[in-house]
Amino acid sequence: MVKAEGRRQKAEGRRQKVEGRRQKAEGRR
């Protein structure tokens, strides 16, 4: 159970990272 929760948090963090990078690229435009 704990392992699954950790994996979910990891996936969410990765998604936030990607979204932040995308926003940065849009602001540069």
PDB file of N, CA and C in Angstrom:
ATOM      1  N   MET A   1       0.861  -1.205   0.000  1.00  0.00           N
ATOM      2  CA  MET A   1       0.000   0.000   0.000  1.00  0.00           C
ATOM      3  C   MET A   1       0.891   1.247   0.000  1.00  0.00           C
ATOM      4  N   VAL A   2       1.856   1.246   0.907  1.00  0.00           N
ATOM      5  CA  VAL A   2       2.741   2.419   0.974  1.00  0.00           C
ATOM      6  C   VAL A   2       3.505   2.569  -0.335  1.00  0.00           C
ATOM      7  N   LYS A   3       3.944   1.439  -0.876  1.00  0.00           N
ATOM      8  CA  LYS A   3       4.712   1.496  -2.140  1.00  0.00           C
ATOM      9  C   LYS A   3       3.861   2.118  -3.243  1.00  0.00           C
ATOM     10  N   ALA A   4       2.614   1.684  -3.330  1.00  0.00           N
ATOM     11  CA  ALA A   4       1.735   2.211  -4.396  1.00  0.00           C
ATOM     12  C   ALA A   4       1.566   3.720  -4.220  1.00  0.00           C
ATOM     13  N   GLU A   5       1.405   4.158  -2.958  1.00  0.00           N
ATOM     14  CA  GLU A   5       1.201   5.595  -2.727  1.00  0.00           C
ATOM     15  C   GLU A   5       2.447   6.371  -3.154  1.00  0.00           C
ATOM     16  N   GLY A   6       3.620   5.860  -2.810  1.00  0.00           N
ATOM     17  CA  GLY A   6       4.865   6.538  -3.191  1.00  0.00           C
ATOM     18  C   GLY A   6       4.967   6.643  -4.702  1.00  0.00           C
ATOM     19  N   ARG A   7       4.605   5.558  -5.378  1.00  0.00           N
ATOM     20  CA  ARG A   7       4.692   5.565  -6.849  1.00  0.00           C
ATOM     21  C   ARG A   7       3.760   6.644  -7.412  1.00  0.00           C
ATOM     22  N   ARG A   8       2.571   6.746  -6.800  1.00  0.00           N
ATOM     23  CA  ARG A   8       1.599   7.734  -7.300  1.00  0.00           C
ATOM     24  C   ARG A   8       2.169   9.148  -7.108  1.00  0.00           C
ATOM     25  N   GLN A   9       2.761   9.410  -5.948  1.00  0.00           N
ATOM     26  CA  GLN A   9       3.338  10.744  -5.700  1.00  0.00           C
ATOM     27  C   GLN A   9       4.437  11.034  -6.702  1.00  0.00           C
ATOM     28  N   LYS A  10       5.251  10.017  -6.990  1.00  0.00           N
ATOM     29  CA  LYS A  10       6.354  10.205  -7.950  1.00  0.00           C
ATOM     30  C   LYS A  10       5.781  10.608  -9.310  1.00  0.00           C
ATOM     31  N   ALA A  11       4.747   9.908  -9.740  1.00  0.00           N
ATOM     32  CA  ALA A  11       4.145  10.201 -11.054  1.00  0.00           C
ATOM     33  C   ALA A  11       3.590  11.626 -11.053  1.00  0.00           C
ATOM     34  N   GLU A  12       2.960  12.018  -9.940  1.00  0.00           N
ATOM     35  CA  GLU A  12       2.370  13.364  -9.886  1.00  0.00           C
ATOM     36  C   GLU A  12       3.481  14.416  -9.955  1.00  0.00           C
ATOM     37  N   GLY A  13       4.564  14.182  -9.239  1.00  0.00           N
ATOM     38  CA  GLY A  13       5.678  15.135  -9.253  1.00  0.00           C
ATOM     39  C   GLY A  13       6.246  15.277 -10.656  1.00  0.00           C
ATOM     40  N   ARG A  14       6.382  14.140 -11.344  1.00  0.00           N
ATOM     41  CA  ARG A  14       6.933  14.181 -12.708  1.00  0.00           C
ATOM     42  C   ARG A  14       6.000  15.001 -13.608  1.00  0.00           C
ATOM     43  N   ARG A  15       4.677  14.803 -13.418  1.00  0.00           N
ATOM     44  CA  ARG A  15       3.710  15.515 -14.264  1.00  0.00           C
ATOM     45  C   ARG A  15       3.834  17.024 -14.010  1.00  0.00           C
ATOM     46  N   GLN A  16       3.959  17.410 -12.733  1.00  0.00           N
ATOM     47  CA  GLN A  16       4.085  18.842 -12.415  1.00  0.00           C
ATOM     48  C   GLN A  16       5.339  19.409 -13.062  1.00  0.00           C
ATOM     49  N   LYS A  17       6.426  18.614 -13.033  1.00  0.00           N
ATOM     50  CA  LYS A  17       7.688  19.079 -13.630  1.00  0.00           C
ATOM     51  C   LYS A  17       7.477  19.356 -15.119  1.00  0.00           C
ATOM     52  N   VAL A  18       6.826  18.432 -15.797  1.00  0.00           N
ATOM     53  CA  VAL A  18       6.606  18.588 -17.247  1.00  0.00           C
ATOM     54  C   VAL A  18       5.738  19.822 -17.503  1.00  0.00           C
ATOM     55  N   GLU A  19       4.690  19.989 -16.686  1.00  0.00           N
ATOM     56  CA  GLU A  19       3.799  21.143 -16.902  1.00  0.00           C
ATOM     57  C   GLU A  19       4.561  22.442 -16.682  1.00  0.00           C
ATOM     58  N   GLY A  20       5.409  22.474 -15.675  1.00  0.00           N
ATOM     59  CA  GLY A  20       6.189  23.687 -15.407  1.00  0.00           C
ATOM     60  C   GLY A  20       7.102  24.003 -16.582  1.00  0.00           C
ATOM     61  N   ARG A  21       7.731  22.975 -17.131  1.00  0.00           N
ATOM     62  CA  ARG A  21       8.635  23.183 -18.272  1.00  0.00           C
ATOM     63  C   ARG A  21       7.838  23.738 -19.458  1.00  0.00           C
ATOM     64  N   ARG A  22       6.620  23.210 -19.653  1.00  0.00           N
ATOM     65  CA  ARG A  22       5.791  23.645 -20.788  1.00  0.00           C
ATOM     66  C   ARG A  22       5.427  25.125 -20.602  1.00  0.00           C
ATOM     67  N   GLN A  23       5.064  25.498 -19.375  1.00  0.00           N
ATOM     68  CA  GLN A  23       4.691  26.899 -19.118  1.00  0.00           C
ATOM     69  C   GLN A  23       5.882  27.802 -19.389  1.00  0.00           C
ATOM     70  N   LYS A  24       7.088  27.351 -18.990  1.00  0.00           N
ATOM     71  CA  LYS A  24       8.296  28.148 -19.224  1.00  0.00           C
ATOM     72  C   LYS A  24       8.465  28.389 -20.722  1.00  0.00           C
ATOM     73  N   ALA A  25       8.284  27.341 -21.506  1.00  0.00           N
ATOM     74  CA  ALA A  25       8.458  27.457 -22.965  1.00  0.00           C
ATOM     75  C   ALA A  25       7.425  28.447 -23.517  1.00  0.00           C
ATOM     76  N   GLU A  26       6.204  28.405 -23.002  1.00  0.00           N
ATOM     77  CA  GLU A  26       5.165  29.316 -23.517  1.00  0.00           C
ATOM     78  C   GLU A  26       5.520  30.762 -23.166  1.00  0.00           C
ATOM     79  N   GLY A  27       6.042  30.982 -21.963  1.00  0.00           N
ATOM     80  CA  GLY A  27       6.393  32.345 -21.552  1.00  0.00           C
ATOM     81  C   GLY A  27       7.536  32.899 -22.403  1.00  0.00           C
ATOM     82  N   ARG A  28       8.442  32.032 -22.817  1.00  0.00           N
ATOM     83  CA  ARG A  28       9.585  32.487 -23.617  1.00  0.00           C
ATOM     84  C   ARG A  28       9.099  33.002 -24.979  1.00  0.00           C
ATOM     85  N   ARG A  29       7.999  32.392 -25.477  1.00  0.00           N
ATOM     86  CA  ARG A  29       7.525  32.746 -26.811  1.00  0.00           C
ATOM     87  C   ARG A  29       7.143  34.217 -26.889  1.00  0.00           C
TER      88      ARG A  29
END
